[in-house]
Amino acid sequence: MLSRLIAFVMSVTLLLFAYPNTTKADTLSDKTTFIVYGDLPYMITLADGRTDEEVFFEEIIPAINEHEEVPFVIHLGDLSRPEYTCSDELLQSFKDVWDNDIDKPIFYTPGDNDWTDCDREKLSNPQSELARLASVRKIFFSEPKTLDPEWQYEQNSDLPENALWIYDGVLFVTEHMIGTNNGRDEILQDDPATILAEVEKRDQANREWLDYAFYLAQNNNVEAVVLASHLDPFGAENGENDAFTRCTNKPAYAGFCQQIQTFAHKLQKPVLYVHGDTNAYCYDKPFNAELAPNIWRLNAPGDIKYIDASLISYDRSNQDLPFEVTGLLSGEVPPEICDYSR
C-alpha cells in the first residue's frame, strides 16, 4: 500500500511539473461547450413510427456536427441493448460510426449493457462478462486518442477506459461505474470469486483516479470539473426521497457519493456529475446543499424515454448556474424533478 501511495504522489508531481498551471484566464472562451449522450440507440419504435436508431442517424449526428463550437462528445455507456452490443462485430460498427460519421472525438465510458449484461439467460448467446469487457477494452481503448497536447489527455493505467483531459479551463473525467450493484450481482457465466475480485480492483482504481483528478484540479488553474460515468447511483428505491441518502444506503456506491461530495467541498469550484443508466431525465442538486452547494447532477436523456442528447455549456460568468443544459434537438431545459416511473 505504501509503495502504491508513493507511486501515486510521484505521478502527480511529475505531471504538475510537466504542465504547471497551464490554463490562462486571458485565453479562455466565454463558455466551454460539449455534448453528452448515452443509452442510445436501443432499436425501439417511437410514437411517430420511426426508430430511435433513425433519429440518432438522421437528427442527432447531424446536430452534433453542426455545432462547430463543440470540440468533443462524451458517450455515457450502453451503446444499445445487450442483444446488439454483445458481439465484437457490432461493437466495431459503433466505433466506426464515431470514427466516420461524427467529426469530433468521442470519449466513452462503458455501460452494463455493453459487457456485464452479456451473460443474461434471455440472450440467444450468453457470454462471459470478463470476455466481453476484454473486447470492449480492445476495440475502444487499446490505442490512446490523438489529441492536442494542451488537452493533457491521460488514460488510467489500470482501467484504460478511465480518461481525463483539460479543455478551456475545465477538467473532464470519465470513471467506469455500472449498475447491477456495480457488477456484483447476476454473475451467470464466470466464477463469482473472480468477478468480485475484479470489482474490488475496479473500485479501488476508481477511487484513486478521482483522487488524482482532485489533485490536478487543485494545481492546474482548473475552473470547473465534469465527471462522467454510466451509473445512476441515486435510483429511487426503499422509500427514500433524498437522493444522496439513497446513494449512501447502497454499499456499492456510497463511497463514490461521499468521495465526489468531499471533492466538491474541498475544491470550492463548480462540479457537474453527468450519467445515464436510468430514464429519469433531470438536472438537479442531489448532494448536501450545505457541504457541497457547488455540485450539480445531470441524468442525461436516452434509455427509451427521451431520445435526445444534451448540449452543455460551462458559463464562467454565471456563478449561480455555471452549467447550462439544453436538449440538443429539443432546445429545452431538463426537468428539475427526477421521475423514475416509465
Protein backbone atom coordinates (compact mmCIF):
# COMPACT_ATOMS: atom_id res chain seq x y z
CA MET A 1 0.00 0.00 0.00
CA LEU A 2 2.82 2.42 0.85
CA SER A 3 4.52 1.76 -2.50
CA ARG A 4 1.25 2.46 -4.33
CA LEU A 5 0.83 5.73 -2.45
CA ILE A 6 4.41 6.81 -3.21
CA ALA A 7 3.94 5.97 -6.88
CA PHE A 8 0.69 7.91 -6.97
CA VAL A 9 2.20 11.04 -5.38
CA MET A 10 5.21 10.86 -7.71
CA SER A 11 2.98 10.57 -10.78
CA VAL A 12 1.00 13.62 -9.70
CA THR A 13 4.19 15.59 -9.03
CA LEU A 14 5.67 14.68 -12.41
CA LEU A 15 2.52 15.67 -14.24
CA LEU A 16 2.32 19.00 -12.46
CA PHE A 17 5.97 19.65 -13.27
CA ALA A 18 5.30 18.89 -16.91
CA TYR A 19 2.14 21.00 -17.10
CA PRO A 20 2.47 23.74 -14.47
CA ASN A 21 -0.62 25.96 -14.28
CA THR A 22 -1.28 25.66 -17.99
CA THR A 23 -4.71 27.29 -18.08
CA LYS A 24 -4.50 31.06 -18.50
CA ALA A 25 -7.55 33.23 -17.89
CA ASP A 26 -6.88 35.51 -20.89
CA THR A 27 -7.08 32.57 -23.33
CA LEU A 28 -10.39 31.13 -22.12
CA SER A 29 -13.61 31.45 -24.09
CA ASP A 30 -16.80 32.80 -22.54
CA LYS A 31 -18.34 29.34 -22.50
CA THR A 32 -16.94 25.82 -22.68
CA THR A 33 -19.48 23.73 -24.59
CA PHE A 34 -19.71 19.97 -25.12
CA ILE A 35 -22.31 17.28 -25.86
CA VAL A 36 -23.20 14.11 -23.97
CA TYR A 37 -25.47 11.22 -24.83
CA GLY A 38 -25.91 7.57 -23.89
CA ASP A 39 -28.33 4.64 -23.67
CA LEU A 40 -28.95 5.06 -27.38
CA PRO A 41 -29.97 3.66 -29.82
CA TYR A 42 -31.97 0.83 -28.26
CA MET A 43 -33.58 -0.04 -31.63
CA ILE A 44 -37.08 0.81 -30.40
CA THR A 45 -40.05 2.12 -32.39
CA LEU A 46 -41.21 5.60 -31.38
CA ALA A 47 -44.67 7.11 -31.42
CA ASP A 48 -44.13 8.62 -34.89
CA GLY A 49 -43.26 5.21 -36.36
CA ARG A 50 -39.52 5.83 -36.64
CA THR A 51 -36.93 4.01 -34.60
CA ASP A 52 -34.57 5.71 -32.17
CA GLU A 53 -31.77 4.49 -34.44
CA GLU A 54 -33.24 6.55 -37.29
CA VAL A 55 -33.48 9.62 -35.04
CA PHE A 56 -29.87 9.09 -33.99
CA PHE A 57 -28.55 8.96 -37.57
CA GLU A 58 -30.95 11.43 -39.17
CA GLU A 59 -31.10 14.11 -36.45
CA ILE A 60 -28.68 13.67 -33.55
CA ILE A 61 -25.49 13.06 -35.54
CA PRO A 62 -26.14 15.97 -37.95
CA ALA A 63 -26.92 18.23 -34.98
CA ILE A 64 -23.66 17.23 -33.29
CA ASN A 65 -21.68 18.01 -36.43
CA GLU A 66 -23.43 21.34 -36.94
CA HIS A 67 -22.20 22.65 -33.57
CA GLU A 68 -18.78 23.86 -34.62
CA GLU A 69 -18.12 25.30 -31.16
CA VAL A 70 -18.33 21.80 -29.64
CA PRO A 71 -14.85 20.19 -29.51
CA PHE A 72 -15.87 16.70 -28.34
CA VAL A 73 -18.69 14.38 -27.27
CA ILE A 74 -18.98 12.14 -24.20
CA HIS A 75 -20.87 8.84 -24.54
CA LEU A 76 -22.25 7.71 -21.18
CA GLY A 77 -22.42 3.99 -21.88
CA ASP A 78 -25.00 1.47 -23.07
CA LEU A 79 -24.30 1.59 -26.80
CA SER A 80 -27.57 -0.27 -27.24
CA ARG A 81 -29.40 -3.20 -25.65
CA PRO A 82 -27.39 -6.37 -24.87
CA GLU A 83 -28.99 -8.13 -27.82
CA TYR A 84 -26.95 -5.80 -30.04
CA THR A 85 -23.89 -4.85 -28.01
CA CYS A 86 -22.64 -8.29 -27.03
CA SER A 87 -20.63 -9.04 -30.17
CA ASP A 88 -17.32 -7.74 -31.46
CA GLU A 89 -18.79 -7.01 -34.89
CA LEU A 90 -21.47 -4.70 -33.51
CA LEU A 91 -19.10 -3.01 -31.09
CA GLN A 92 -16.81 -2.31 -34.03
CA SER A 93 -19.73 -0.94 -36.03
CA PHE A 94 -20.48 1.56 -33.26
CA LYS A 95 -16.85 2.64 -33.19
CA ASP A 96 -16.87 3.01 -36.98
CA VAL A 97 -19.81 5.40 -36.70
CA TRP A 98 -17.87 7.55 -34.28
CA ASP A 99 -14.77 7.49 -36.46
CA ASN A 100 -16.52 8.14 -39.77
CA ASP A 101 -19.83 9.90 -39.14
CA ILE A 102 -19.08 12.23 -36.22
CA ASP A 103 -16.41 14.86 -36.82
CA LYS A 104 -15.38 15.24 -33.16
CA PRO A 105 -13.55 12.98 -30.69
CA ILE A 106 -15.82 10.67 -28.67
CA PHE A 107 -14.97 9.87 -25.06
CA TYR A 108 -16.80 6.73 -23.97
CA THR A 109 -17.37 5.19 -20.56
CA PRO A 110 -18.85 1.65 -20.72
CA GLY A 111 -22.33 0.75 -19.54
CA ASP A 112 -23.65 -2.51 -18.12
CA ASN A 113 -25.41 -3.38 -21.39
CA ASP A 114 -22.01 -3.34 -23.06
CA TRP A 115 -20.49 -6.18 -21.02
CA THR A 116 -21.92 -7.25 -17.62
CA ASP A 117 -25.37 -7.92 -19.07
CA CYS A 118 -23.99 -10.14 -21.83
CA ASP A 119 -24.36 -13.27 -19.68
CA ARG A 120 -28.13 -13.00 -19.31
CA GLU A 121 -30.09 -16.18 -19.99
CA LYS A 122 -32.64 -14.30 -22.12
CA LEU A 123 -29.98 -13.67 -24.76
CA SER A 124 -29.54 -16.09 -27.64
CA ASN A 125 -25.82 -16.46 -26.89
CA PRO A 126 -24.98 -15.70 -23.23
CA GLN A 127 -21.28 -14.94 -22.80
CA SER A 128 -18.66 -14.36 -20.13
CA GLU A 129 -18.68 -10.87 -18.62
CA LEU A 130 -14.90 -10.79 -18.49
CA ALA A 131 -14.60 -11.84 -22.14
CA ARG A 132 -16.96 -9.06 -23.18
CA LEU A 133 -15.09 -6.48 -21.09
CA ALA A 134 -11.86 -7.57 -22.76
CA SER A 135 -13.48 -6.97 -26.15
CA VAL A 136 -14.75 -3.53 -25.11
CA ARG A 137 -11.26 -2.57 -23.99
CA LYS A 138 -9.60 -3.97 -27.12
CA ILE A 139 -11.96 -2.24 -29.56
CA PHE A 140 -12.36 1.12 -27.85
CA PHE A 141 -9.36 1.62 -25.58
CA SER A 142 -6.34 -0.28 -26.90
CA GLU A 143 -4.96 2.85 -28.56
CA PRO A 144 -4.82 6.31 -26.95
CA LYS A 145 -6.58 9.17 -28.68
CA THR A 146 -4.58 11.57 -30.79
CA LEU A 147 -5.36 14.97 -29.30
CA ASP A 148 -3.73 18.36 -28.94
CA PRO A 149 -1.08 18.05 -26.17
CA GLU A 150 -2.66 21.06 -24.47
CA TRP A 151 -5.61 18.83 -23.57
CA GLN A 152 -3.26 16.84 -21.26
CA TYR A 153 -5.20 13.70 -22.12
CA GLU A 154 -4.47 10.63 -19.99
CA GLN A 155 -5.75 7.07 -19.67
CA ASN A 156 -5.66 5.21 -16.39
CA SER A 157 -3.00 2.51 -16.38
CA ASP A 158 -5.24 0.01 -14.55
CA LEU A 159 -8.53 0.92 -16.23
CA PRO A 160 -7.82 2.21 -19.76
CA GLU A 161 -11.47 3.20 -20.12
CA ASN A 162 -10.95 5.85 -17.43
CA ALA A 163 -9.70 9.06 -19.01
CA LEU A 164 -9.16 12.69 -18.11
CA TRP A 165 -8.37 15.81 -20.07
CA ILE A 166 -8.37 19.58 -19.60
CA TYR A 167 -10.10 21.76 -22.15
CA ASP A 168 -10.65 25.51 -21.95
CA GLY A 169 -10.19 25.64 -18.19
CA VAL A 170 -12.41 22.64 -17.40
CA LEU A 171 -11.17 19.24 -16.19
CA PHE A 172 -13.14 16.32 -17.66
CA VAL A 173 -13.01 12.88 -16.04
CA THR A 174 -14.58 9.55 -17.01
CA GLU A 175 -14.99 6.80 -14.44
CA HIS A 176 -16.13 3.23 -15.14
CA MET A 177 -19.10 2.53 -12.86
CA ILE A 178 -22.13 0.48 -13.80
CA GLY A 179 -25.40 -0.90 -12.47
CA THR A 180 -26.24 -4.35 -11.03
CA ASN A 181 -24.60 -3.34 -7.76
CA ASN A 182 -21.58 -2.13 -9.76
CA GLY A 183 -21.16 -5.57 -11.28
CA ARG A 184 -21.58 -7.61 -8.10
CA ASP A 185 -24.97 -9.12 -8.96
CA GLU A 186 -26.17 -11.56 -11.63
CA ILE A 187 -22.85 -13.28 -12.27
CA LEU A 188 -24.09 -16.08 -14.51
CA GLN A 189 -21.19 -17.29 -16.68
CA ASP A 190 -18.00 -16.51 -14.75
CA ASP A 191 -16.53 -17.62 -11.45
CA PRO A 192 -18.15 -15.30 -8.86
CA ALA A 193 -15.00 -15.05 -6.75
CA THR A 194 -13.00 -13.92 -9.79
CA ILE A 195 -15.62 -11.35 -10.77
CA LEU A 196 -15.90 -9.94 -7.25
CA ALA A 197 -12.12 -9.63 -7.01
CA GLU A 198 -12.14 -7.69 -10.29
CA VAL A 199 -14.93 -5.45 -8.97
CA GLU A 200 -12.89 -4.60 -5.89
CA LYS A 201 -9.87 -3.80 -8.05
CA ARG A 202 -12.01 -1.56 -10.26
CA ASP A 203 -13.47 0.23 -7.25
CA GLN A 204 -10.00 0.88 -5.85
CA ALA A 205 -8.72 2.13 -9.20
CA ASN A 206 -11.74 4.42 -9.49
CA ARG A 207 -11.13 5.89 -6.04
CA GLU A 208 -7.50 6.60 -6.88
CA TRP A 209 -8.48 8.07 -10.26
CA LEU A 210 -10.87 10.54 -8.64
CA ASP A 211 -8.23 11.46 -6.05
CA TYR A 212 -5.81 12.05 -8.91
CA ALA A 213 -8.35 14.27 -10.66
CA PHE A 214 -8.76 16.29 -7.46
CA TYR A 215 -5.01 16.96 -7.29
CA LEU A 216 -4.98 18.06 -10.91
CA ALA A 217 -7.97 20.32 -10.39
CA GLN A 218 -6.23 21.99 -7.47
CA ASN A 219 -2.93 22.54 -9.23
CA ASN A 220 -3.74 23.36 -12.87
CA ASN A 221 -5.82 26.55 -12.57
CA VAL A 222 -8.89 24.48 -13.43
CA GLU A 223 -12.11 26.48 -13.15
CA ALA A 224 -14.61 23.61 -13.09
CA VAL A 225 -14.80 19.80 -13.18
CA VAL A 226 -17.09 17.50 -15.15
CA LEU A 227 -17.23 13.84 -14.09
CA ALA A 228 -18.97 11.35 -16.37
CA SER A 229 -19.93 7.74 -15.75
CA HIS A 230 -22.69 5.38 -16.82
CA LEU A 231 -24.08 4.70 -13.37
CA ASP A 232 -27.06 6.41 -11.78
CA PRO A 233 -26.26 5.89 -8.06
CA PHE A 234 -29.41 7.71 -6.93
CA GLY A 235 -32.09 5.46 -8.44
CA ALA A 236 -35.30 5.56 -6.42
CA GLU A 237 -35.87 2.63 -4.07
CA ASN A 238 -36.65 1.72 -0.44
CA GLY A 239 -38.94 4.71 0.01
CA GLU A 240 -36.06 7.17 0.38
CA ASN A 241 -36.90 10.57 -1.09
CA ASP A 242 -33.49 12.15 -0.58
CA ALA A 243 -31.20 11.19 -3.46
CA PHE A 244 -27.95 11.42 -1.52
CA THR A 245 -29.39 9.18 1.22
CA ARG A 246 -30.47 6.67 -1.43
CA CYS A 247 -26.90 6.55 -2.68
CA THR A 248 -25.25 6.22 0.71
CA ASN A 249 -27.67 3.43 1.62
CA LYS A 250 -26.20 1.35 -1.24
CA PRO A 251 -22.83 -0.07 -0.12
CA ALA A 252 -21.56 -0.44 -3.69
CA TYR A 253 -21.99 3.28 -4.40
CA ALA A 254 -21.86 5.02 -1.03
CA GLY A 255 -18.10 5.56 -1.16
CA PHE A 256 -18.32 7.21 -4.57
CA CYS A 257 -21.07 9.62 -3.50
CA GLN A 258 -19.13 10.56 -0.36
CA GLN A 259 -15.90 10.97 -2.34
CA ILE A 260 -17.34 13.26 -5.01
CA GLN A 261 -19.14 15.35 -2.37
CA THR A 262 -15.89 15.75 -0.42
CA PHE A 263 -14.09 16.53 -3.68
CA ALA A 264 -16.52 19.38 -4.45
CA HIS A 265 -16.47 20.67 -0.87
CA LYS A 266 -12.68 20.94 -0.81
CA LEU A 267 -12.34 22.24 -4.35
CA GLN A 268 -14.90 25.04 -3.98
CA LYS A 269 -15.34 25.22 -7.76
CA PRO A 270 -18.29 24.16 -9.93
CA VAL A 271 -18.59 20.39 -10.37
CA LEU A 272 -21.00 18.56 -12.66
CA TYR A 273 -21.68 14.82 -12.41
CA VAL A 274 -23.33 13.56 -15.59
CA HIS A 275 -24.56 9.99 -16.08
CA GLY A 276 -27.03 7.78 -17.92
CA ASP A 277 -28.29 4.33 -16.85
CA THR A 278 -31.89 5.28 -15.96
CA ASN A 279 -34.64 7.13 -17.80
CA ALA A 280 -35.24 9.75 -15.09
CA TYR A 281 -34.07 12.63 -17.28
CA CYS A 282 -33.36 15.56 -14.95
CA TYR A 283 -30.92 18.24 -13.84
CA ASP A 284 -30.75 18.78 -10.09
CA LYS A 285 -28.57 19.06 -6.97
CA PRO A 286 -28.82 15.74 -5.08
CA PHE A 287 -25.80 16.32 -2.83
CA ASN A 288 -25.73 18.02 0.58
CA ALA A 289 -26.55 21.68 -0.07
CA GLU A 290 -24.57 22.89 2.93
CA LEU A 291 -21.42 20.82 2.34
CA ALA A 292 -21.36 20.97 -1.44
CA PRO A 293 -23.59 23.67 -2.92
CA ASN A 294 -21.24 23.76 -5.93
CA ILE A 295 -22.11 20.33 -7.39
CA TRP A 296 -24.85 19.55 -9.91
CA ARG A 297 -26.10 16.29 -11.43
CA LEU A 298 -27.45 15.65 -14.92
CA ASN A 299 -29.24 12.38 -15.65
CA ALA A 300 -28.89 12.58 -19.41
CA PRO A 301 -31.61 11.69 -21.94
CA GLY A 302 -31.82 8.29 -23.57
CA ASP A 303 -32.92 4.90 -22.24
CA ILE A 304 -36.15 4.76 -24.27
CA LYS A 305 -37.96 7.68 -22.60
CA TYR A 306 -36.22 10.79 -24.01
CA ILE A 307 -34.50 10.35 -27.36
CA ASP A 308 -32.07 13.24 -27.44
CA ALA A 309 -28.59 14.34 -26.43
CA SER A 310 -27.58 17.13 -24.06
CA LEU A 311 -25.83 20.34 -25.06
CA ILE A 312 -23.89 21.55 -22.01
CA SER A 313 -22.03 24.81 -21.53
CA TYR A 314 -19.87 25.88 -18.64
CA ASP A 315 -20.56 29.63 -18.37
CA ARG A 316 -17.78 31.13 -16.29
CA SER A 317 -19.73 34.37 -15.88
CA ASN A 318 -22.74 32.70 -14.23
CA GLN A 319 -21.88 31.85 -10.63
CA ASP A 320 -25.43 30.80 -9.70
CA LEU A 321 -25.86 28.30 -12.55
CA PRO A 322 -22.48 27.75 -14.19
CA PHE A 323 -23.59 24.70 -16.20
CA GLU A 324 -26.28 25.41 -18.76
CA VAL A 325 -28.06 22.32 -20.13
CA THR A 326 -30.50 22.04 -23.01
CA GLY A 327 -31.70 19.24 -25.25
CA LEU A 328 -29.63 19.09 -28.42
CA LEU A 329 -32.75 18.54 -30.54
CA SER A 330 -35.47 19.97 -28.33
CA GLY A 331 -33.62 23.08 -27.13
CA GLU A 332 -35.48 22.69 -23.84
CA VAL A 333 -34.02 22.65 -20.34
CA PRO A 334 -34.23 19.31 -18.46
CA PRO A 335 -36.83 18.76 -15.73
CA GLU A 336 -35.73 19.68 -12.21
CA ILE A 337 -37.50 16.65 -10.74
CA CYS A 338 -36.28 13.12 -11.46
CA ASP A 339 -39.20 10.91 -12.44
CA TYR A 340 -38.19 7.25 -12.25
CA SER A 341 -41.50 5.90 -13.49
CA ARG A 342 -41.56 4.71 -17.10
